[in-house]
Amino acid sequence: MKLVYVFDAYCGWSHGFSDTLREVVSRHPELPVEVVSGGLFTGPRRVPIREFGYVQGANGTIAELTGAEFGDAYERLIADGSFVMDSEAAARGVAALRQAAPARAAELTAALQQAFYADGLSLSDPATYRKVAEETGLDADAVAAAFDGAEAQDAAEADFRRSAELGVTGFPILLAVDSDGVTALARGRATADEVDQRLAALRTS
């Protein structure tokens, strides 16, 4: 069995799920974790954030229900309204970080979302990946170069296909995948205890 976490770096609910994911991974070192980027803001949805009028209200709900924090720099970004969330660029960044430290993909995913939701940094900017790499002990030059490389582009496109093949229509979702199939352990939000209960039930079924 392995865990498959399908998320989008620009999804507030995914940011809210970070602590649960961290705890689940900590409790289950025996389970490999595959992190897959979804394409929430691609194509015609790649527009200024002001076009998504629900964001601020949703963030308030996310903070209330999950304890996730949204920093002042991020709030200024929302208030300005001109910032464009580009999930394809973010997926390339996830791929670059994942390539540098595959076993730490879940941890690096949380660090990347922190860069956006706390520090208000663009996930389309190579400097953001350099900063995340430096703060997590990775080779910053290698990660920044990988972000702009063809391999990351291919990986991002592969992630979007993987998400579609798994039938994912909303983020985040945590799946258990084994020889018997795919089971959802969490959709949107859940506590680590709730995920554990579902894992235990799955293992005894």
N, C-alpha and C. Protein backbone atom coordinates (compact mmCIF):
# COMPACT_ATOMS: atom_id res chain seq x y z
N MET A 1 0.84 -1.20 0.00
CA MET A 1 0.00 0.00 0.00
C MET A 1 0.88 1.25 0.00
N LYS A 2 0.37 2.29 -0.66
CA LYS A 2 1.03 3.59 -0.57
C LYS A 2 -0.05 4.66 -0.48
N LEU A 3 0.37 5.84 -0.05
CA LEU A 3 -0.53 6.99 0.00
C LEU A 3 -0.29 7.85 -1.23
N VAL A 4 -1.35 8.35 -1.81
CA VAL A 4 -1.25 9.29 -2.92
C VAL A 4 -2.00 10.56 -2.51
N TYR A 5 -1.26 11.65 -2.46
CA TYR A 5 -1.83 12.93 -2.06
C TYR A 5 -1.95 13.80 -3.30
N VAL A 6 -3.19 14.10 -3.69
CA VAL A 6 -3.43 14.95 -4.86
C VAL A 6 -3.90 16.31 -4.35
N PHE A 7 -3.17 17.35 -4.69
CA PHE A 7 -3.42 18.68 -4.16
C PHE A 7 -3.11 19.71 -5.24
N ASP A 8 -3.39 20.96 -4.92
CA ASP A 8 -2.93 22.04 -5.77
C ASP A 8 -2.27 23.07 -4.87
N ALA A 9 -1.09 23.54 -5.26
CA ALA A 9 -0.34 24.46 -4.41
C ALA A 9 -1.08 25.78 -4.19
N TYR A 10 -2.00 26.11 -5.10
CA TYR A 10 -2.78 27.34 -4.96
C TYR A 10 -4.18 27.08 -4.39
N CYS A 11 -4.37 25.92 -3.77
CA CYS A 11 -5.65 25.57 -3.17
C CYS A 11 -5.59 25.81 -1.66
N GLY A 12 -6.43 26.71 -1.15
CA GLY A 12 -6.43 27.02 0.27
C GLY A 12 -6.75 25.82 1.15
N TRP A 13 -7.66 24.97 0.68
CA TRP A 13 -7.99 23.77 1.46
C TRP A 13 -6.80 22.82 1.54
N SER A 14 -5.98 22.79 0.48
CA SER A 14 -4.75 21.98 0.53
C SER A 14 -3.80 22.55 1.58
N HIS A 15 -3.70 23.87 1.64
CA HIS A 15 -2.90 24.52 2.68
C HIS A 15 -3.43 24.12 4.06
N GLY A 16 -4.74 24.10 4.20
CA GLY A 16 -5.34 23.73 5.47
C GLY A 16 -5.11 22.28 5.85
N PHE A 17 -4.84 21.44 4.86
CA PHE A 17 -4.63 20.01 5.11
C PHE A 17 -3.18 19.69 5.46
N SER A 18 -2.29 20.66 5.34
CA SER A 18 -0.84 20.41 5.51
C SER A 18 -0.49 19.76 6.84
N ASP A 19 -1.07 20.25 7.93
CA ASP A 19 -0.74 19.69 9.24
C ASP A 19 -1.21 18.25 9.36
N THR A 20 -2.40 17.97 8.83
CA THR A 20 -2.89 16.58 8.85
C THR A 20 -1.97 15.67 8.06
N LEU A 21 -1.59 16.12 6.88
CA LEU A 21 -0.70 15.30 6.05
C LEU A 21 0.63 15.05 6.76
N ARG A 22 1.18 16.09 7.37
CA ARG A 22 2.44 15.96 8.09
C ARG A 22 2.31 14.91 9.21
N GLU A 23 1.21 14.96 9.93
CA GLU A 23 1.00 14.03 11.03
C GLU A 23 0.80 12.60 10.53
N VAL A 24 0.04 12.44 9.46
CA VAL A 24 -0.19 11.10 8.90
C VAL A 24 1.12 10.49 8.43
N VAL A 25 1.93 11.28 7.74
CA VAL A 25 3.23 10.78 7.25
C VAL A 25 4.12 10.40 8.43
N SER A 26 4.10 11.21 9.49
CA SER A 26 4.89 10.93 10.69
C SER A 26 4.46 9.62 11.36
N ARG A 27 3.17 9.39 11.38
CA ARG A 27 2.64 8.18 12.04
C ARG A 27 2.85 6.91 11.22
N HIS A 28 3.02 7.07 9.91
CA HIS A 28 3.09 5.90 9.03
C HIS A 28 4.33 5.93 8.14
N PRO A 29 5.51 5.82 8.77
CA PRO A 29 6.74 5.83 7.97
C PRO A 29 6.84 4.62 7.04
N GLU A 30 6.02 3.62 7.29
CA GLU A 30 6.06 2.41 6.46
C GLU A 30 5.35 2.61 5.12
N LEU A 31 4.61 3.71 4.99
CA LEU A 31 3.84 3.93 3.77
C LEU A 31 4.51 4.97 2.87
N PRO A 32 4.91 4.59 1.66
CA PRO A 32 5.44 5.58 0.72
C PRO A 32 4.35 6.60 0.40
N VAL A 33 4.77 7.83 0.11
CA VAL A 33 3.81 8.89 -0.21
C VAL A 33 4.14 9.45 -1.60
N GLU A 34 3.17 9.41 -2.47
CA GLU A 34 3.29 10.01 -3.80
C GLU A 34 2.51 11.32 -3.79
N VAL A 35 3.17 12.42 -4.11
CA VAL A 35 2.52 13.72 -4.16
C VAL A 35 2.26 14.09 -5.62
N VAL A 36 1.01 14.40 -5.92
CA VAL A 36 0.59 14.71 -7.29
C VAL A 36 -0.04 16.09 -7.33
N SER A 37 0.42 16.93 -8.24
CA SER A 37 -0.16 18.26 -8.42
C SER A 37 -1.39 18.20 -9.31
N GLY A 38 -2.45 18.88 -8.90
CA GLY A 38 -3.63 19.01 -9.74
C GLY A 38 -3.57 20.34 -10.47
N GLY A 39 -4.40 20.50 -11.46
CA GLY A 39 -4.39 21.72 -12.27
C GLY A 39 -5.59 22.60 -12.00
N LEU A 40 -5.64 23.17 -10.81
CA LEU A 40 -6.81 23.97 -10.42
C LEU A 40 -6.91 25.27 -11.21
N PHE A 41 -5.78 25.95 -11.38
CA PHE A 41 -5.79 27.23 -12.09
C PHE A 41 -4.93 27.12 -13.35
N THR A 42 -5.53 26.57 -14.38
CA THR A 42 -4.87 26.43 -15.68
C THR A 42 -5.84 26.92 -16.75
N GLY A 43 -5.33 27.09 -17.95
CA GLY A 43 -6.19 27.49 -19.06
C GLY A 43 -6.97 28.76 -18.74
N PRO A 44 -8.30 28.73 -18.96
CA PRO A 44 -9.12 29.95 -18.76
C PRO A 44 -9.24 30.37 -17.30
N ARG A 45 -8.82 29.50 -16.36
CA ARG A 45 -8.86 29.87 -14.93
C ARG A 45 -7.58 30.58 -14.49
N ARG A 46 -6.66 30.77 -15.41
CA ARG A 46 -5.41 31.46 -15.10
C ARG A 46 -5.63 32.96 -15.29
N VAL A 47 -6.32 33.56 -14.34
CA VAL A 47 -6.73 34.97 -14.43
C VAL A 47 -6.42 35.65 -13.09
N PRO A 48 -6.47 36.99 -13.03
CA PRO A 48 -6.20 37.68 -11.77
C PRO A 48 -7.09 37.16 -10.64
N ILE A 49 -6.52 37.12 -9.46
CA ILE A 49 -7.19 36.52 -8.31
C ILE A 49 -8.48 37.25 -7.95
N ARG A 50 -8.62 38.49 -8.36
CA ARG A 50 -9.85 39.23 -8.07
C ARG A 50 -11.06 38.58 -8.77
N GLU A 51 -10.79 37.78 -9.82
CA GLU A 51 -11.88 37.10 -10.52
C GLU A 51 -12.54 36.04 -9.65
N PHE A 52 -11.84 35.61 -8.61
CA PHE A 52 -12.37 34.59 -7.71
C PHE A 52 -12.81 35.26 -6.41
N GLY A 53 -13.99 35.84 -6.44
CA GLY A 53 -14.46 36.64 -5.33
C GLY A 53 -14.68 35.87 -4.04
N TYR A 54 -14.72 34.54 -4.15
CA TYR A 54 -14.98 33.72 -2.96
C TYR A 54 -13.74 33.48 -2.11
N VAL A 55 -12.56 33.84 -2.59
CA VAL A 55 -11.31 33.43 -1.95
C VAL A 55 -11.22 33.88 -0.49
N GLN A 56 -11.46 35.15 -0.24
CA GLN A 56 -11.29 35.65 1.13
C GLN A 56 -12.26 34.98 2.11
N GLY A 57 -13.50 34.80 1.69
CA GLY A 57 -14.47 34.14 2.54
C GLY A 57 -14.09 32.69 2.80
N ALA A 58 -13.62 32.03 1.74
CA ALA A 58 -13.21 30.63 1.88
C ALA A 58 -12.02 30.52 2.83
N ASN A 59 -11.09 31.45 2.73
CA ASN A 59 -9.91 31.41 3.60
C ASN A 59 -10.30 31.54 5.06
N GLY A 60 -11.29 32.38 5.34
CA GLY A 60 -11.76 32.51 6.71
C GLY A 60 -12.31 31.20 7.24
N THR A 61 -13.05 30.50 6.40
CA THR A 61 -13.61 29.20 6.78
C THR A 61 -12.49 28.17 6.98
N ILE A 62 -11.52 28.19 6.07
CA ILE A 62 -10.39 27.25 6.17
C ILE A 62 -9.63 27.48 7.48
N ALA A 63 -9.36 28.73 7.79
CA ALA A 63 -8.63 29.06 9.02
C ALA A 63 -9.41 28.59 10.24
N GLU A 64 -10.72 28.81 10.23
CA GLU A 64 -11.57 28.44 11.37
C GLU A 64 -11.62 26.92 11.56
N LEU A 65 -11.72 26.19 10.47
CA LEU A 65 -11.92 24.75 10.57
C LEU A 65 -10.63 23.95 10.68
N THR A 66 -9.52 24.50 10.19
CA THR A 66 -8.27 23.72 10.17
C THR A 66 -7.16 24.33 11.02
N GLY A 67 -7.29 25.60 11.38
CA GLY A 67 -6.22 26.28 12.11
C GLY A 67 -5.13 26.81 11.21
N ALA A 68 -5.28 26.67 9.90
CA ALA A 68 -4.27 27.17 8.96
C ALA A 68 -4.17 28.68 9.06
N GLU A 69 -2.96 29.19 8.89
CA GLU A 69 -2.73 30.63 8.99
C GLU A 69 -2.46 31.23 7.61
N PHE A 70 -2.95 32.45 7.44
CA PHE A 70 -2.74 33.19 6.21
C PHE A 70 -2.03 34.49 6.58
N GLY A 71 -0.83 34.67 6.04
CA GLY A 71 0.02 35.78 6.46
C GLY A 71 -0.38 37.13 5.88
N ASP A 72 0.18 38.18 6.46
CA ASP A 72 -0.12 39.54 6.02
C ASP A 72 0.28 39.78 4.57
N ALA A 73 1.42 39.24 4.17
CA ALA A 73 1.88 39.45 2.79
C ALA A 73 0.91 38.80 1.80
N TYR A 74 0.39 37.65 2.15
CA TYR A 74 -0.61 36.99 1.31
C TYR A 74 -1.90 37.81 1.27
N GLU A 75 -2.32 38.30 2.42
CA GLU A 75 -3.55 39.10 2.48
C GLU A 75 -3.43 40.35 1.60
N ARG A 76 -2.24 40.95 1.57
CA ARG A 76 -2.04 42.12 0.70
C ARG A 76 -2.16 41.74 -0.77
N LEU A 77 -1.68 40.55 -1.10
CA LEU A 77 -1.77 40.04 -2.46
C LEU A 77 -3.24 39.90 -2.88
N ILE A 78 -4.04 39.35 -1.98
CA ILE A 78 -5.47 39.17 -2.24
C ILE A 78 -6.16 40.54 -2.38
N ALA A 79 -5.82 41.45 -1.49
CA ALA A 79 -6.44 42.77 -1.51
C ALA A 79 -6.14 43.52 -2.81
N ASP A 80 -4.91 43.37 -3.30
CA ASP A 80 -4.52 44.03 -4.56
C ASP A 80 -5.30 43.44 -5.73
N GLY A 81 -5.42 42.11 -5.75
CA GLY A 81 -6.28 41.45 -6.73
C GLY A 81 -5.69 41.16 -8.08
N SER A 82 -4.48 41.66 -8.38
CA SER A 82 -3.94 41.50 -9.74
C SER A 82 -3.12 40.22 -9.91
N PHE A 83 -2.78 39.57 -8.80
CA PHE A 83 -1.92 38.38 -8.87
C PHE A 83 -2.63 37.25 -9.62
N VAL A 84 -1.87 36.57 -10.48
CA VAL A 84 -2.42 35.45 -11.25
C VAL A 84 -1.86 34.13 -10.70
N MET A 85 -2.76 33.28 -10.25
CA MET A 85 -2.37 31.95 -9.78
C MET A 85 -2.24 31.03 -11.00
N ASP A 86 -1.08 30.44 -11.16
CA ASP A 86 -0.77 29.60 -12.32
C ASP A 86 -0.38 28.22 -11.81
N SER A 87 -1.32 27.29 -11.84
CA SER A 87 -1.06 25.96 -11.29
C SER A 87 -0.04 25.16 -12.09
N GLU A 88 0.11 25.50 -13.36
CA GLU A 88 1.12 24.79 -14.17
C GLU A 88 2.52 25.13 -13.68
N ALA A 89 2.77 26.42 -13.43
CA ALA A 89 4.08 26.82 -12.90
C ALA A 89 4.30 26.21 -11.52
N ALA A 90 3.27 26.22 -10.68
CA ALA A 90 3.39 25.65 -9.34
C ALA A 90 3.69 24.15 -9.42
N ALA A 91 3.07 23.47 -10.36
CA ALA A 91 3.33 22.04 -10.52
C ALA A 91 4.76 21.77 -10.96
N ARG A 92 5.30 22.67 -11.79
CA ARG A 92 6.72 22.54 -12.17
C ARG A 92 7.61 22.70 -10.94
N GLY A 93 7.23 23.64 -10.07
CA GLY A 93 8.00 23.85 -8.84
C GLY A 93 7.93 22.66 -7.91
N VAL A 94 6.75 22.09 -7.77
CA VAL A 94 6.60 20.87 -6.96
C VAL A 94 7.49 19.76 -7.53
N ALA A 95 7.49 19.64 -8.84
CA ALA A 95 8.30 18.61 -9.49
C ALA A 95 9.79 18.84 -9.23
N ALA A 96 10.23 20.09 -9.28
CA ALA A 96 11.64 20.41 -9.05
C ALA A 96 12.05 20.06 -7.62
N LEU A 97 11.20 20.39 -6.65
CA LEU A 97 11.48 20.06 -5.25
C LEU A 97 11.43 18.55 -5.02
N ARG A 98 10.47 17.91 -5.62
CA ARG A 98 10.30 16.46 -5.48
C ARG A 98 11.49 15.72 -6.07
N GLN A 99 12.00 16.25 -7.18
CA GLN A 99 13.17 15.65 -7.82
C GLN A 99 14.40 15.73 -6.92
N ALA A 100 14.51 16.83 -6.18
CA ALA A 100 15.67 17.03 -5.31
C ALA A 100 15.64 16.13 -4.09
N ALA A 101 14.44 15.81 -3.60
CA ALA A 101 14.32 14.99 -2.38
C ALA A 101 13.01 14.21 -2.42
N PRO A 102 12.95 13.14 -3.21
CA PRO A 102 11.69 12.41 -3.41
C PRO A 102 11.01 11.95 -2.12
N ALA A 103 11.80 11.51 -1.15
CA ALA A 103 11.22 10.99 0.10
C ALA A 103 10.62 12.09 0.97
N ARG A 104 10.93 13.35 0.65
CA ARG A 104 10.45 14.48 1.46
C ARG A 104 9.35 15.27 0.74
N ALA A 105 8.73 14.67 -0.25
CA ALA A 105 7.77 15.39 -1.09
C ALA A 105 6.65 16.02 -0.29
N ALA A 106 6.09 15.30 0.69
CA ALA A 106 4.98 15.84 1.47
C ALA A 106 5.43 17.05 2.29
N GLU A 107 6.59 16.95 2.89
CA GLU A 107 7.15 18.06 3.68
C GLU A 107 7.41 19.28 2.81
N LEU A 108 7.96 19.06 1.63
CA LEU A 108 8.31 20.16 0.73
C LEU A 108 7.05 20.83 0.17
N THR A 109 6.02 20.03 -0.04
CA THR A 109 4.74 20.56 -0.48
C THR A 109 4.21 21.58 0.53
N ALA A 110 4.27 21.24 1.81
CA ALA A 110 3.81 22.14 2.86
C ALA A 110 4.66 23.41 2.90
N ALA A 111 5.97 23.26 2.72
CA ALA A 111 6.87 24.42 2.73
C ALA A 111 6.56 25.36 1.57
N LEU A 112 6.21 24.78 0.43
CA LEU A 112 5.89 25.59 -0.74
C LEU A 112 4.60 26.36 -0.52
N GLN A 113 3.61 25.71 0.07
CA GLN A 113 2.35 26.42 0.33
C GLN A 113 2.55 27.51 1.39
N GLN A 114 3.44 27.26 2.31
CA GLN A 114 3.75 28.28 3.31
C GLN A 114 4.34 29.52 2.63
N ALA A 115 5.16 29.30 1.62
CA ALA A 115 5.78 30.43 0.90
C ALA A 115 4.71 31.32 0.27
N PHE A 116 3.64 30.71 -0.20
CA PHE A 116 2.57 31.50 -0.81
C PHE A 116 1.61 32.05 0.25
N TYR A 117 1.08 31.18 1.09
CA TYR A 117 0.01 31.58 2.00
C TYR A 117 0.49 32.37 3.22
N ALA A 118 1.75 32.26 3.57
CA ALA A 118 2.29 33.06 4.67
C ALA A 118 3.07 34.26 4.15
N ASP A 119 3.96 33.99 3.17
CA ASP A 119 4.89 35.03 2.71
C ASP A 119 4.44 35.76 1.45
N GLY A 120 3.36 35.29 0.83
CA GLY A 120 2.85 35.96 -0.35
C GLY A 120 3.76 35.89 -1.55
N LEU A 121 4.57 34.84 -1.64
CA LEU A 121 5.52 34.70 -2.75
C LEU A 121 4.89 33.99 -3.94
N SER A 122 5.23 34.43 -5.12
CA SER A 122 4.69 33.83 -6.34
C SER A 122 5.29 32.46 -6.59
N LEU A 123 4.44 31.50 -6.92
CA LEU A 123 4.92 30.16 -7.24
C LEU A 123 5.28 30.05 -8.72
N SER A 124 5.31 31.20 -9.39
CA SER A 124 5.82 31.26 -10.77
C SER A 124 7.24 31.82 -10.82
N ASP A 125 7.77 32.18 -9.67
CA ASP A 125 9.07 32.85 -9.58
C ASP A 125 10.15 31.86 -9.12
N PRO A 126 11.20 31.66 -9.94
CA PRO A 126 12.27 30.75 -9.54
C PRO A 126 12.87 31.10 -8.18
N ALA A 127 12.87 32.39 -7.82
CA ALA A 127 13.44 32.80 -6.53
C ALA A 127 12.69 32.18 -5.35
N THR A 128 11.41 31.91 -5.54
CA THR A 128 10.62 31.27 -4.48
C THR A 128 11.15 29.87 -4.21
N TYR A 129 11.48 29.15 -5.26
CA TYR A 129 11.97 27.77 -5.10
C TYR A 129 13.39 27.77 -4.54
N ARG A 130 14.14 28.78 -4.90
CA ARG A 130 15.47 28.93 -4.32
C ARG A 130 15.36 29.14 -2.80
N LYS A 131 14.41 29.97 -2.38
CA LYS A 131 14.21 30.24 -0.96
C LYS A 131 13.75 28.98 -0.22
N VAL A 132 12.77 28.28 -0.79
CA VAL A 132 12.26 27.06 -0.16
C VAL A 132 13.38 26.02 -0.06
N ALA A 133 14.17 25.91 -1.12
CA ALA A 133 15.28 24.95 -1.11
C ALA A 133 16.29 25.30 -0.02
N GLU A 134 16.64 26.55 0.08
CA GLU A 134 17.61 26.98 1.10
C GLU A 134 17.09 26.68 2.50
N GLU A 135 15.80 26.96 2.72
CA GLU A 135 15.22 26.79 4.05
C GLU A 135 15.04 25.32 4.42
N THR A 136 15.02 24.44 3.43
CA THR A 136 14.83 23.01 3.71
C THR A 136 16.10 22.19 3.47
N GLY A 137 17.22 22.89 3.27
CA GLY A 137 18.50 22.20 3.16
C GLY A 137 18.78 21.54 1.83
N LEU A 138 18.14 22.01 0.78
CA LEU A 138 18.37 21.44 -0.55
C LEU A 138 19.31 22.34 -1.34
N ASP A 139 19.77 21.83 -2.48
CA ASP A 139 20.65 22.58 -3.36
C ASP A 139 19.81 23.62 -4.10
N ALA A 140 19.90 24.87 -3.69
CA ALA A 140 19.05 25.93 -4.23
C ALA A 140 19.29 26.14 -5.73
N ASP A 141 20.55 26.08 -6.17
CA ASP A 141 20.85 26.27 -7.59
C ASP A 141 20.20 25.17 -8.42
N ALA A 142 20.30 23.93 -7.93
CA ALA A 142 19.76 22.79 -8.67
C ALA A 142 18.24 22.87 -8.76
N VAL A 143 17.59 23.24 -7.65
CA VAL A 143 16.13 23.33 -7.65
C VAL A 143 15.65 24.45 -8.57
N ALA A 144 16.29 25.61 -8.50
CA ALA A 144 15.90 26.74 -9.35
C ALA A 144 16.09 26.40 -10.83
N ALA A 145 17.18 25.70 -11.14
CA ALA A 145 17.43 25.31 -12.53
C ALA A 145 16.39 24.28 -12.99
N ALA A 146 16.06 23.35 -12.10
CA ALA A 146 15.09 22.31 -12.45
C ALA A 146 13.71 22.90 -12.72
N PHE A 147 13.36 23.95 -11.98
CA PHE A 147 12.05 24.60 -12.15
C PHE A 147 11.86 25.05 -13.59
N ASP A 148 12.92 25.52 -14.23
CA ASP A 148 12.84 26.02 -15.60
C ASP A 148 13.17 24.95 -16.64
N GLY A 149 13.39 23.73 -16.19
CA GLY A 149 13.82 22.67 -17.10
C GLY A 149 12.68 21.88 -17.73
N ALA A 150 13.01 21.19 -18.82
CA ALA A 150 12.01 20.40 -19.55
C ALA A 150 11.48 19.24 -18.70
N GLU A 151 12.32 18.70 -17.83
CA GLU A 151 11.90 17.56 -17.01
C GLU A 151 10.77 17.94 -16.07
N ALA A 152 10.85 19.13 -15.48
CA ALA A 152 9.79 19.59 -14.59
C ALA A 152 8.50 19.85 -15.36
N GLN A 153 8.63 20.38 -16.56
CA GLN A 153 7.45 20.61 -17.41
C GLN A 153 6.76 19.28 -17.70
N ASP A 154 7.56 18.28 -18.08
CA ASP A 154 7.00 16.95 -18.36
C ASP A 154 6.34 16.35 -17.12
N ALA A 155 6.99 16.55 -15.97
CA ALA A 155 6.46 16.01 -14.72
C ALA A 155 5.14 16.67 -14.35
N ALA A 156 5.04 17.98 -14.57
CA ALA A 156 3.80 18.70 -14.27
C ALA A 156 2.65 18.17 -15.13
N GLU A 157 2.93 17.98 -16.40
CA GLU A 157 1.90 17.47 -17.30
C GLU A 157 1.51 16.04 -16.91
N ALA A 158 2.50 15.26 -16.49
CA ALA A 158 2.22 13.88 -16.04
C ALA A 158 1.37 13.89 -14.78
N ASP A 159 1.63 14.85 -13.88
CA ASP A 159 0.83 14.96 -12.67
C ASP A 159 -0.63 15.26 -13.00
N PHE A 160 -0.86 16.18 -13.92
CA PHE A 160 -2.24 16.53 -14.29
C PHE A 160 -2.95 15.31 -14.87
N ARG A 161 -2.24 14.52 -15.67
CA ARG A 161 -2.83 13.31 -16.24
C ARG A 161 -3.14 12.29 -15.14
N ARG A 162 -2.21 12.15 -14.21
CA ARG A 162 -2.38 11.21 -13.09
C ARG A 162 -3.60 11.59 -12.25
N SER A 163 -3.74 12.88 -11.98
CA SER A 163 -4.89 13.36 -11.22
C SER A 163 -6.19 13.00 -11.93
N ALA A 164 -6.22 13.22 -13.25
CA ALA A 164 -7.42 12.92 -14.03
C ALA A 164 -7.70 11.43 -14.06
N GLU A 165 -6.65 10.63 -14.19
CA GLU A 165 -6.82 9.17 -14.22
C GLU A 165 -7.38 8.64 -12.90
N LEU A 166 -7.02 9.30 -11.80
CA LEU A 166 -7.51 8.90 -10.50
C LEU A 166 -8.93 9.40 -10.25
N GLY A 167 -9.45 10.17 -11.18
CA GLY A 167 -10.81 10.66 -11.06
C GLY A 167 -10.98 11.80 -10.07
N VAL A 168 -9.90 12.51 -9.79
CA VAL A 168 -9.94 13.59 -8.81
C VAL A 168 -10.64 14.82 -9.41
N THR A 169 -11.63 15.32 -8.68
CA THR A 169 -12.36 16.50 -9.15
C THR A 169 -12.29 17.65 -8.16
N GLY A 170 -11.68 17.44 -6.99
CA GLY A 170 -11.52 18.50 -6.00
C GLY A 170 -10.28 18.24 -5.17
N PHE A 171 -9.73 19.29 -4.62
CA PHE A 171 -8.49 19.19 -3.85
C PHE A 171 -8.70 19.69 -2.43
N PRO A 172 -7.92 19.14 -1.49
CA PRO A 172 -7.01 18.02 -1.64
C PRO A 172 -7.76 16.70 -1.45
N ILE A 173 -7.12 15.62 -1.86
CA ILE A 173 -7.63 14.29 -1.57
C ILE A 173 -6.44 13.39 -1.23
N LEU A 174 -6.61 12.59 -0.20
CA LEU A 174 -5.59 11.63 0.21
C LEU A 174 -6.13 10.25 -0.06
N LEU A 175 -5.40 9.50 -0.86
CA LEU A 175 -5.84 8.18 -1.30
C LEU A 175 -4.91 7.09 -0.77
N ALA A 176 -5.48 5.93 -0.51
CA ALA A 176 -4.68 4.73 -0.25
C ALA A 176 -4.77 3.88 -1.51
N VAL A 177 -3.63 3.48 -2.03
CA VAL A 177 -3.60 2.69 -3.26
C VAL A 177 -2.88 1.38 -2.98
N ASP A 178 -3.55 0.29 -3.27
CA ASP A 178 -2.92 -1.03 -3.12
C ASP A 178 -3.42 -1.93 -4.24
N SER A 179 -3.10 -3.21 -4.15
CA SER A 179 -3.45 -4.14 -5.22
C SER A 179 -4.95 -4.30 -5.40
N ASP A 180 -5.71 -3.93 -4.36
CA ASP A 180 -7.17 -4.06 -4.44
C ASP A 180 -7.84 -2.83 -5.05
N GLY A 181 -7.09 -1.74 -5.18
CA GLY A 181 -7.67 -0.54 -5.78
C GLY A 181 -7.32 0.74 -5.06
N VAL A 182 -8.18 1.73 -5.21
CA VAL A 182 -7.94 3.08 -4.68
C VAL A 182 -9.07 3.42 -3.70
N THR A 183 -8.69 3.87 -2.50
CA THR A 183 -9.67 4.24 -1.48
C THR A 183 -9.37 5.64 -0.97
N ALA A 184 -10.39 6.48 -0.91
CA ALA A 184 -10.22 7.84 -0.38
C ALA A 184 -10.15 7.80 1.14
N LEU A 185 -9.09 8.36 1.69
CA LEU A 185 -8.93 8.45 3.14
C LEU A 185 -9.35 9.82 3.66
N ALA A 186 -9.27 10.84 2.80
CA ALA A 186 -9.67 12.19 3.19
C ALA A 186 -9.99 13.00 1.95
N ARG A 187 -11.06 13.76 2.04
CA ARG A 187 -11.43 14.70 0.97
C ARG A 187 -11.63 16.07 1.60
N GLY A 188 -10.88 17.05 1.13
CA GLY A 188 -11.06 18.41 1.62
C GLY A 188 -10.39 18.64 2.96
N ARG A 189 -10.92 18.02 4.00
CA ARG A 189 -10.29 18.14 5.31
C ARG A 189 -10.60 16.90 6.13
N ALA A 190 -9.69 16.59 7.05
CA ALA A 190 -9.85 15.47 7.99
C ALA A 190 -8.74 15.60 9.01
N THR A 191 -8.94 15.01 10.16
CA THR A 191 -7.88 14.96 11.16
C THR A 191 -7.04 13.72 10.91
N ALA A 192 -5.85 13.71 11.49
CA ALA A 192 -4.99 12.53 11.37
C ALA A 192 -5.65 11.32 12.01
N ASP A 193 -6.39 11.52 13.09
CA ASP A 193 -7.09 10.40 13.73
C ASP A 193 -8.15 9.81 12.81
N GLU A 194 -8.86 10.68 12.10
CA GLU A 194 -9.87 10.18 11.15
C GLU A 194 -9.22 9.39 10.02
N VAL A 195 -8.09 9.86 9.54
CA VAL A 195 -7.37 9.14 8.49
C VAL A 195 -6.91 7.78 9.03
N ASP A 196 -6.41 7.77 10.26
CA ASP A 196 -5.97 6.52 10.88
C ASP A 196 -7.11 5.51 10.98
N GLN A 197 -8.29 5.98 11.37
CA GLN A 197 -9.44 5.09 11.49
C GLN A 197 -9.78 4.46 10.14
N ARG A 198 -9.72 5.26 9.09
CA ARG A 198 -10.04 4.75 7.75
C ARG A 198 -8.96 3.79 7.26
N LEU A 199 -7.71 4.10 7.59
CA LEU A 199 -6.62 3.20 7.23
C LEU A 199 -6.77 1.85 7.93
N ALA A 200 -7.09 1.91 9.23
CA ALA A 200 -7.25 0.69 10.01
C ALA A 200 -8.39 -0.15 9.47
N ALA A 201 -9.48 0.50 9.12
CA ALA A 201 -10.62 -0.23 8.57
C ALA A 201 -10.27 -0.87 7.22
N LEU A 202 -9.50 -0.16 6.44
CA LEU A 202 -9.07 -0.66 5.14
C LEU A 202 -8.18 -1.88 5.28
N ARG A 203 -7.30 -1.82 6.25
CA ARG A 203 -6.34 -2.91 6.45
C ARG A 203 -7.00 -4.16 7.01
N THR A 204 -8.12 -4.03 7.66
CA THR A 204 -8.79 -5.19 8.25
C THR A 204 -9.94 -5.69 7.40
N SER A 205 -10.21 -5.00 6.29
CA SER A 205 -11.34 -5.40 5.45
C SER A 205 -10.95 -6.53 4.51
